[in-house]
PDB file of N, CA and C in Angstrom:
ATOM      1  N   MET A   1      60.611 122.324 180.930  1.00  0.00           N
ATOM      2  CA  MET A   1      61.273 121.782 179.799  1.00  0.00           C
ATOM      3  C   MET A   1      60.700 121.766 178.642  1.00  0.00           C
ATOM      4  N   SER A   2      60.908 121.795 177.352  1.00  0.00           N
ATOM      5  CA  SER A   2      60.179 121.937 175.939  1.00  0.00           C
ATOM      6  C   SER A   2      60.357 120.274 175.538  1.00  0.00           C
ATOM      7  N   ARG A   3      59.469 119.809 174.799  1.00  0.00           N
ATOM      8  CA  ARG A   3      59.473 118.720 174.195  1.00  0.00           C
ATOM      9  C   ARG A   3      60.625 118.281 173.138  1.00  0.00           C
ATOM     10  N   ASN A   4      61.116 119.562 172.632  1.00  0.00           N
ATOM     11  CA  ASN A   4      62.210 119.168 171.234  1.00  0.00           C
ATOM     12  C   ASN A   4      63.861 119.025 171.979  1.00  0.00           C
ATOM     13  N   ASP A   5      63.758 119.219 173.687  1.00  0.00           N
ATOM     14  CA  ASP A   5      64.890 118.930 174.230  1.00  0.00           C
ATOM     15  C   ASP A   5      65.759 117.605 174.062  1.00  0.00           C
ATOM     16  N   GLY A   6      66.980 117.873 173.651  1.00  0.00           N
ATOM     17  CA  GLY A   6      67.882 116.282 173.055  1.00  0.00           C
ATOM     18  C   GLY A   6      67.494 115.978 171.979  1.00  0.00           C
ATOM     19  N   ARG A   7      66.685 116.324 171.074  1.00  0.00           N
ATOM     20  CA  ARG A   7      66.351 115.740 169.774  1.00  0.00           C
ATOM     21  C   ARG A   7      67.100 116.724 168.453  1.00  0.00           C
ATOM     22  N   LEU A   8      67.621 115.558 167.557  1.00  0.00           N
ATOM     23  CA  LEU A   8      68.619 116.231 166.619  1.00  0.00           C
ATOM     24  C   LEU A   8      68.048 116.683 165.424  1.00  0.00           C
ATOM     25  N   PRO A   9      68.441 117.233 164.374  1.00  0.00           N
ATOM     26  CA  PRO A   9      67.494 117.564 163.404  1.00  0.00           C
ATOM     27  C   PRO A   9      67.242 116.456 162.265  1.00  0.00           C
ATOM     28  N   SER A  10      67.886 115.279 162.348  1.00  0.00           N
ATOM     29  CA  SER A  10      67.557 114.238 161.912  1.00  0.00           C
ATOM     30  C   SER A  10      66.105 113.605 162.607  1.00  0.00           C
ATOM     31  N   ASP A  11      65.935 113.718 163.620  1.00  0.00           N
ATOM     32  CA  ASP A  11      64.962 113.167 164.613  1.00  0.00           C
ATOM     33  C   ASP A  11      63.559 114.130 164.303  1.00  0.00           C
ATOM     34  N   HIS A  12      63.765 115.269 163.549  1.00  0.00           N
ATOM     35  CA  HIS A  12      62.466 115.803 163.460  1.00  0.00           C
ATOM     36  C   HIS A  12      62.287 115.289 161.808  1.00  0.00           C
ATOM     37  N   ARG A  13      63.319 115.789 160.776  1.00  0.00           N
ATOM     38  CA  ARG A  13      63.015 114.869 160.014  1.00  0.00           C
ATOM     39  C   ARG A  13      62.467 113.619 159.560  1.00  0.00           C
ATOM     40  N   VAL A  14      62.863 112.782 160.106  1.00  0.00           N
ATOM     41  CA  VAL A  14      61.916 111.461 160.149  1.00  0.00           C
ATOM     42  C   VAL A  14      60.401 111.806 160.672  1.00  0.00           C
ATOM     43  N   ARG A  15      60.421 112.859 161.665  1.00  0.00           N
ATOM     44  CA  ARG A  15      59.074 112.853 161.814  1.00  0.00           C
ATOM     45  C   ARG A  15      58.269 113.535 161.139  1.00  0.00           C
ATOM     46  N   ARG A  16      58.698 114.381 160.343  1.00  0.00           N
ATOM     47  CA  ARG A  16      57.891 114.889 159.376  1.00  0.00           C
ATOM     48  C   ARG A  16      57.698 113.647 158.219  1.00  0.00           C
ATOM     49  N   TYR A  17      58.583 113.027 157.677  1.00  0.00           N
ATOM     50  CA  TYR A  17      58.484 111.905 156.898  1.00  0.00           C
ATOM     51  C   TYR A  17      57.700 111.285 157.157  1.00  0.00           C
ATOM     52  N   SER A  18      57.405 110.725 158.668  1.00  0.00           N
ATOM     53  CA  SER A  18      56.306 109.601 158.729  1.00  0.00           C
ATOM     54  C   SER A  18      55.011 110.382 159.059  1.00  0.00           C
ATOM     55  N   VAL A  19      55.025 111.871 159.371  1.00  0.00           N
ATOM     56  CA  VAL A  19      53.673 112.512 159.437  1.00  0.00           C
ATOM     57  C   VAL A  19      53.072 112.694 157.842  1.00  0.00           C
ATOM     58  N   ALA A  20      53.997 112.917 156.724  1.00  0.00           N
ATOM     59  CA  ALA A  20      53.463 113.048 155.551  1.00  0.00           C
ATOM     60  C   ALA A  20      53.101 111.555 154.566  1.00  0.00           C
ATOM     61  N   PHE A  21      53.778 110.573 155.162  1.00  0.00           N
ATOM     62  CA  PHE A  21      53.365 109.319 154.974  1.00  0.00           C
ATOM     63  C   PHE A  21      51.757 109.216 155.526  1.00  0.00           C
ATOM     64  N   GLY A  22      51.683 109.208 156.609  1.00  0.00           N
ATOM     65  CA  GLY A  22      50.505 109.242 157.363  1.00  0.00           C
ATOM     66  C   GLY A  22      49.334 109.879 156.673  1.00  0.00           C
ATOM     67  N   GLY A  23      49.591 111.513 156.317  1.00  0.00           N
ATOM     68  CA  GLY A  23      48.643 112.281 155.686  1.00  0.00           C
ATOM     69  C   GLY A  23      48.360 111.735 154.004  1.00  0.00           C
ATOM     70  N   GLY A  24      49.179 111.163 153.369  1.00  0.00           N
ATOM     71  CA  GLY A  24      49.236 110.721 152.033  1.00  0.00           C
ATOM     72  C   GLY A  24      48.428 109.610 151.845  1.00  0.00           C
ATOM     73  N   ALA A  25      48.477 108.670 153.201  1.00  0.00           N
ATOM     74  CA  ALA A  25      47.906 107.700 153.497  1.00  0.00           C
ATOM     75  C   ALA A  25      46.483 107.858 153.767  1.00  0.00           C
ATOM     76  N   LEU A  26      46.083 108.826 154.534  1.00  0.00           N
ATOM     77  CA  LEU A  26      44.641 109.297 154.495  1.00  0.00           C
ATOM     78  C   LEU A  26      44.144 109.967 153.326  1.00  0.00           C
ATOM     79  N   LEU A  27      44.491 110.684 152.535  1.00  0.00           N
ATOM     80  CA  LEU A  27      44.240 111.158 151.296  1.00  0.00           C
ATOM     81  C   LEU A  27      44.047 110.358 150.245  1.00  0.00           C
ATOM     82  N   ALA A  28      44.822 109.205 149.917  1.00  0.00           N
ATOM     83  CA  ALA A  28      45.111 108.010 149.264  1.00  0.00           C
ATOM     84  C   ALA A  28      43.583 106.941 149.553  1.00  0.00           C
ATOM     85  N   SER A  29      43.671 106.802 150.822  1.00  0.00           N
ATOM     86  CA  SER A  29      42.645 106.147 151.131  1.00  0.00           C
ATOM     87  C   SER A  29      41.176 106.483 150.967  1.00  0.00           C
ATOM     88  N   SER A  30      41.182 107.894 151.301  1.00  0.00           N
ATOM     89  CA  SER A  30      39.597 108.429 151.185  1.00  0.00           C
ATOM     90  C   SER A  30      39.375 108.726 149.794  1.00  0.00           C
ATOM     91  N   LEU A  31      40.486 108.826 148.887  1.00  0.00           N
ATOM     92  CA  LEU A  31      40.202 109.097 147.876  1.00  0.00           C
ATOM     93  C   LEU A  31      39.935 107.526 147.095  1.00  0.00           C
ATOM     94  N   GLY A  32      40.562 106.508 147.208  1.00  0.00           N
ATOM     95  CA  GLY A  32      40.243 105.216 146.865  1.00  0.00           C
ATOM     96  C   GLY A  32      38.819 104.836 147.588  1.00  0.00           C
ATOM     97  N   LEU A  33      38.526 105.067 148.352  1.00  0.00           N
ATOM     98  CA  LEU A  33      36.776 105.125 148.651  1.00  0.00           C
ATOM     99  C   LEU A  33      35.660 105.784 147.899  1.00  0.00           C
ATOM    100  N   GLY A  34      36.379 107.181 147.925  1.00  0.00           N
ATOM    101  CA  GLY A  34      34.989 108.007 147.423  1.00  0.00           C
ATOM    102  C   GLY A  34      35.124 107.300 145.824  1.00  0.00           C
ATOM    103  N   LEU A  35      36.151 107.388 145.261  1.00  0.00           N
ATOM    104  CA  LEU A  35      36.227 106.981 143.422  1.00  0.00           C
ATOM    105  C   LEU A  35      35.880 105.305 143.080  1.00  0.00           C
ATOM    106  N   ASP A  36      35.926 104.600 144.124  1.00  0.00           N
ATOM    107  CA  ASP A  36      35.861 103.272 143.891  1.00  0.00           C
ATOM    108  C   ASP A  36      36.867 102.687 143.126  1.00  0.00           C
ATOM    109  N   ALA A  37      38.128 103.120 143.663  1.00  0.00           N
ATOM    110  CA  ALA A  37      39.465 102.646 143.242  1.00  0.00           C
ATOM    111  C   ALA A  37      40.234 101.851 143.964  1.00  0.00           C
ATOM    112  N   LEU A  38      40.390 100.537 143.870  1.00  0.00           N
ATOM    113  CA  LEU A  38      41.158  99.641 144.627  1.00  0.00           C
ATOM    114  C   LEU A  38      42.365  99.656 144.600  1.00  0.00           C
ATOM    115  N   TRP A  39      43.246 100.572 143.680  1.00  0.00           N
ATOM    116  CA  TRP A  39      44.361 100.516 143.474  1.00  0.00           C
ATOM    117  C   TRP A  39      44.845 102.137 144.328  1.00  0.00           C
ATOM    118  N   LEU A  40      43.892 102.938 144.482  1.00  0.00           N
ATOM    119  CA  LEU A  40      44.254 104.008 145.431  1.00  0.00           C
ATOM    120  C   LEU A  40      44.257 103.619 146.648  1.00  0.00           C
ATOM    121  N   LEU A  41      43.241 102.678 147.248  1.00  0.00           N
ATOM    122  CA  LEU A  41      42.933 101.964 148.520  1.00  0.00           C
ATOM    123  C   LEU A  41      44.180 101.202 148.886  1.00  0.00           C
ATOM    124  N   GLY A  42      44.709 100.378 148.120  1.00  0.00           N
ATOM    125  CA  GLY A  42      46.140  99.715 148.226  1.00  0.00           C
ATOM    126  C   GLY A  42      47.268 100.900 148.576  1.00  0.00           C
ATOM    127  N   ALA A  43      47.356 101.576 147.846  1.00  0.00           N
ATOM    128  CA  ALA A  43      48.547 102.751 147.958  1.00  0.00           C
ATOM    129  C   ALA A  43      48.424 103.548 148.846  1.00  0.00           C
ATOM    130  N   GLY A  44      47.047 103.924 149.535  1.00  0.00           N
ATOM    131  CA  GLY A  44      47.023 104.175 150.905  1.00  0.00           C
ATOM    132  C   GLY A  44      47.467 103.595 152.033  1.00  0.00           C
ATOM    133  N   ALA A  45      47.024 102.300 152.087  1.00  0.00           N
ATOM    134  CA  ALA A  45      47.509 101.043 152.914  1.00  0.00           C
ATOM    135  C   ALA A  45      48.926 100.916 153.116  1.00  0.00           C
ATOM    136  N   TRP A  46      49.493 100.857 152.053  1.00  0.00           N
ATOM    137  CA  TRP A  46      51.181 100.803 152.007  1.00  0.00           C
ATOM    138  C   TRP A  46      51.738 102.213 152.674  1.00  0.00           C
ATOM    139  N   LEU A  47      51.322 103.071 151.912  1.00  0.00           N
ATOM    140  CA  LEU A  47      51.590 104.335 153.003  1.00  0.00           C
ATOM    141  C   LEU A  47      51.436 104.551 154.457  1.00  0.00           C
ATOM    142  N   LEU A  48      50.593 103.999 154.900  1.00  0.00           N
ATOM    143  CA  LEU A  48      50.028 103.845 156.485  1.00  0.00           C
ATOM    144  C   LEU A  48      51.440 102.752 157.001  1.00  0.00           C
ATOM    145  N   ILE A  49      51.037 101.664 156.268  1.00  0.00           N
ATOM    146  CA  ILE A  49      51.967 100.746 156.421  1.00  0.00           C
ATOM    147  C   ILE A  49      53.683 101.502 156.802  1.00  0.00           C
ATOM    148  N   ALA A  50      54.170 102.029 156.203  1.00  0.00           N
ATOM    149  CA  ALA A  50      55.576 102.622 155.921  1.00  0.00           C
ATOM    150  C   ALA A  50      55.463 103.956 156.788  1.00  0.00           C
ATOM    151  N   ALA A  51      54.340 104.565 156.970  1.00  0.00           N
ATOM    152  CA  ALA A  51      54.721 105.480 158.206  1.00  0.00           C
ATOM    153  C   ALA A  51      54.413 104.895 159.589  1.00  0.00           C
ATOM    154  N   VAL A  52      53.907 103.688 159.763  1.00  0.00           N
ATOM    155  CA  VAL A  52      54.116 102.947 160.998  1.00  0.00           C
ATOM    156  C   VAL A  52      55.391 102.448 161.388  1.00  0.00           C
ATOM    157  N   LEU A  53      55.726 101.551 160.447  1.00  0.00           N
ATOM    158  CA  LEU A  53      57.062 101.070 160.303  1.00  0.00           C
ATOM    159  C   LEU A  53      58.183 101.992 160.404  1.00  0.00           C
ATOM    160  N   LEU A  54      57.735 103.358 159.945  1.00  0.00           N
ATOM    161  CA  LEU A  54      59.126 104.380 160.366  1.00  0.00           C
ATOM    162  C   LEU A  54      59.132 104.858 161.725  1.00  0.00           C
ATOM    163  N   GLU A  55      57.693 104.692 162.358  1.00  0.00           N
ATOM    164  CA  GLU A  55      57.719 105.081 163.764  1.00  0.00           C
ATOM    165  C   GLU A  55      58.136 103.839 164.726  1.00  0.00           C
ATOM    166  N   LEU A  56      58.075 102.850 164.105  1.00  0.00           N
ATOM    167  CA  LEU A  56      58.609 101.616 164.862  1.00  0.00           C
ATOM    168  C   LEU A  56      59.890 101.635 165.120  1.00  0.00           C
ATOM    169  N   VAL A  57      60.711 101.752 164.056  1.00  0.00           N
ATOM    170  CA  VAL A  57      61.990 101.312 163.601  1.00  0.00           C
ATOM    171  C   VAL A  57      62.968 102.749 164.173  1.00  0.00           C
ATOM    172  N   TYR A  58      62.761 103.406 163.727  1.00  0.00           N
ATOM    173  CA  TYR A  58      63.396 105.131 164.378  1.00  0.00           C
ATOM    174  C   TYR A  58      62.594 105.788 165.592  1.00  0.00           C
ATOM    175  N   ARG A  59      63.235 105.095 166.930  1.00  0.00           N
ATOM    176  CA  ARG A  59      62.707 105.463 167.804  1.00  0.00           C
ATOM    177  C   ARG A  59      64.165 106.135 168.313  1.00  0.00           C
ATOM    178  N   PRO A  60      64.058 107.597 168.507  1.00  0.00           N
ATOM    179  CA  PRO A  60      65.281 108.129 169.388  1.00  0.00           C
ATOM    180  C   PRO A  60      65.312 108.052 170.846  1.00  0.00           C
TER     181      PRO A  60
END
C-alpha cells in the first residue's frame, strides 16, 4: 500500500503550500539571523506559524 492511497489532489496541494511556507520560514529566519534584520526574523516566524496552522487545520 502506498502513502498516497485515498488522497485527493487538493491534499497534495495543501501539503506543498505547507512545505513551501516551512522552507520560506527557514530561509527568512536564517537570513534574518545572518543579516541581523529583525523584520526578516519576524517574517520567518510568521511563515512558520502559517505552515503549522495549515498542517493542524487541514488534516485529511
